[in-house]
Protein backbone atom coordinates (compact mmCIF):
# COMPACT_ATOMS: atom_id res chain seq x y z
CA MET A 1 38.16 6.97 -167.76
CA LYS A 2 37.44 6.51 -164.64
CA LYS A 3 34.15 4.61 -163.74
CA LYS A 4 33.29 7.09 -161.31
CA ARG A 5 32.13 5.14 -157.81
CA ARG A 6 28.98 5.75 -157.34
CA THR A 7 28.00 5.38 -153.12
CA THR A 8 24.26 4.32 -151.47
CA THR A 9 23.69 5.88 -148.43
CA LYS A 10 20.49 4.17 -146.59
CA LYS A 11 18.08 6.55 -146.32
CA TYR A 12 16.45 5.53 -142.78
CA SER A 13 12.96 5.86 -142.64
CA LEU A 14 11.24 7.81 -139.78
CA THR A 15 8.44 6.66 -140.05
CA ILE A 16 6.03 5.66 -136.41
CA THR A 17 5.45 1.85 -137.18
CA PRO A 18 2.14 1.03 -135.36
CA LYS A 19 4.29 -1.23 -132.65
CA ARG A 20 5.87 1.62 -131.81
CA LYS A 21 2.85 3.95 -131.46
CA ILE A 22 1.74 1.27 -128.91
CA LEU A 23 5.15 0.68 -126.94
CA ILE A 24 5.20 4.76 -126.75
CA LEU A 25 1.99 5.22 -125.65
CA ILE A 26 2.50 2.56 -122.98
CA GLY A 27 5.71 3.29 -121.85
CA SER A 28 4.81 7.24 -121.20
CA ILE A 29 2.14 5.82 -118.95
CA VAL A 30 4.28 3.97 -116.57
CA VAL A 31 6.38 6.91 -116.28
CA LEU A 32 3.51 9.13 -115.39
CA LEU A 33 2.05 5.99 -113.60
CA ILE A 34 5.07 6.25 -111.59
CA PHE A 35 5.86 10.23 -110.78
CA PHE A 36 2.01 10.32 -110.16
CA LEU A 37 2.22 7.66 -107.46
CA LYS A 38 5.99 7.14 -106.20
CA GLY A 39 6.97 10.72 -106.75
CA PRO A 40 7.61 13.37 -103.79
CA ARG A 41 4.34 15.22 -104.35
CA GLY A 42 2.79 11.51 -105.28
CA THR A 43 -0.72 10.28 -104.44
CA ILE A 44 0.79 8.03 -102.02
CA GLU A 45 2.97 10.42 -100.14
CA LEU A 46 -0.03 12.41 -100.25
CA TYR A 47 -2.60 9.93 -98.43
CA LYS A 48 0.40 9.43 -96.00
CA ASN A 49 0.55 13.06 -94.97
CA ILE A 50 -3.20 12.67 -95.15
CA ASN A 51 -3.20 10.09 -92.00
CA LYS A 52 -0.43 11.97 -90.30
CA THR A 53 -2.19 15.37 -90.51
CA ASN A 54 -5.34 12.72 -88.99
CA ASP A 55 -3.50 11.30 -85.84
CA LEU A 56 -1.94 14.88 -84.76
CA LYS A 57 -5.30 16.27 -84.56
CA GLU A 58 -6.28 12.90 -82.70
CA GLU A 59 -3.23 13.58 -80.53
CA ILE A 60 -4.25 18.13 -80.04
CA GLU A 61 -7.48 16.92 -78.79
CA GLU A 62 -6.25 13.87 -76.16
CA LEU A 63 -3.67 16.68 -75.06
CA LYS A 64 -6.84 19.75 -74.81
CA GLN A 65 -8.54 17.38 -72.97
CA THR A 66 -6.16 16.40 -70.64
CA LYS A 67 -5.20 20.09 -70.26
CA SER A 68 -8.76 21.01 -69.58
CA GLU A 69 -8.65 17.88 -66.79
CA LEU A 70 -5.49 19.09 -65.03
CA ASP A 71 -6.43 22.49 -64.80
CA SER A 72 -10.10 21.42 -63.12
CA GLU A 73 -7.11 19.55 -60.54
CA LYS A 74 -5.63 22.84 -60.22
CA VAL A 75 -7.68 24.79 -59.06
CA LYS A 76 -9.29 21.98 -56.67
CA LEU A 77 -5.90 21.73 -55.24
CA HIS A 78 -6.69 25.49 -53.23
CA ASP A 79 -9.28 24.15 -51.74
CA ASP A 80 -8.07 22.92 -48.17
CA ASP A 81 -10.67 19.76 -48.00
CA TYR A 82 -9.89 18.46 -50.92
CA ILE A 83 -5.79 17.78 -50.12
CA GLU A 84 -7.38 16.46 -46.50
CA LYS A 85 -9.61 14.36 -49.07
CA ILE A 86 -6.64 13.24 -51.00
CA ALA A 87 -4.11 12.91 -48.09
CA ARG A 88 -6.46 10.56 -46.52
CA GLU A 89 -7.38 8.51 -50.10
CA GLN A 90 -4.08 8.25 -51.73
CA TYR A 91 -1.64 8.53 -48.81
CA ASN A 92 -2.95 7.11 -45.81
CA MET A 93 -3.08 9.92 -43.67
CA LYS A 94 -4.96 10.72 -40.93
CA LYS A 95 -5.83 13.49 -38.14
CA GLN A 96 -4.14 13.38 -34.78
CA GLY A 97 -6.03 11.02 -32.23
CA GLU A 98 -8.12 9.14 -35.63
CA LYS A 99 -8.20 5.62 -36.16
CA ILE A 100 -7.79 3.93 -39.17
CA TYR A 101 -9.87 0.85 -40.52
CA LYS A 102 -8.70 -1.05 -43.49
CA ILE A 103 -11.30 -3.28 -44.95
CA GLU A 104 -11.30 -6.09 -47.37
CA LYS A 105 -13.82 -7.43 -49.70
CA ASP A 106 -13.18 -11.16 -49.95
CA SER A 107 -12.40 -12.16 -53.69
CA ASP A 108 -15.43 -14.48 -53.57
C-alpha cells in the first residue's frame, strides 16, 4: 500500500501586531503631512500665494498713487504759467532780455 503523502501548508497569520499598527499609523501620518505641507495645494503653497497677493495689492496701491500724481501733473501742464515755471527751473530757460544769476551755496 502506498502511503499518503501529507502536505503541510503554512498558514500565514493576517493579524496585525501592535508594533505593525504603530508603524502603519506613523507612516500614514508622515504621508498625510507631506501631502498637506508640500502638495500643489499644500500649506506652504498657500502661504506663498497669500504673500504674492499681498505684494501685488501693495504694488497696485503704489501704481494708483503714481497714476493720480501723473493725472494732476497732466492737468497742470495745460496752464501756461506752470509750463513757464518748469521751463525756468528745470531747463534754465529765460525770457528775451532777462539775465540769469546762479547762486551757489557754501558747503561749509
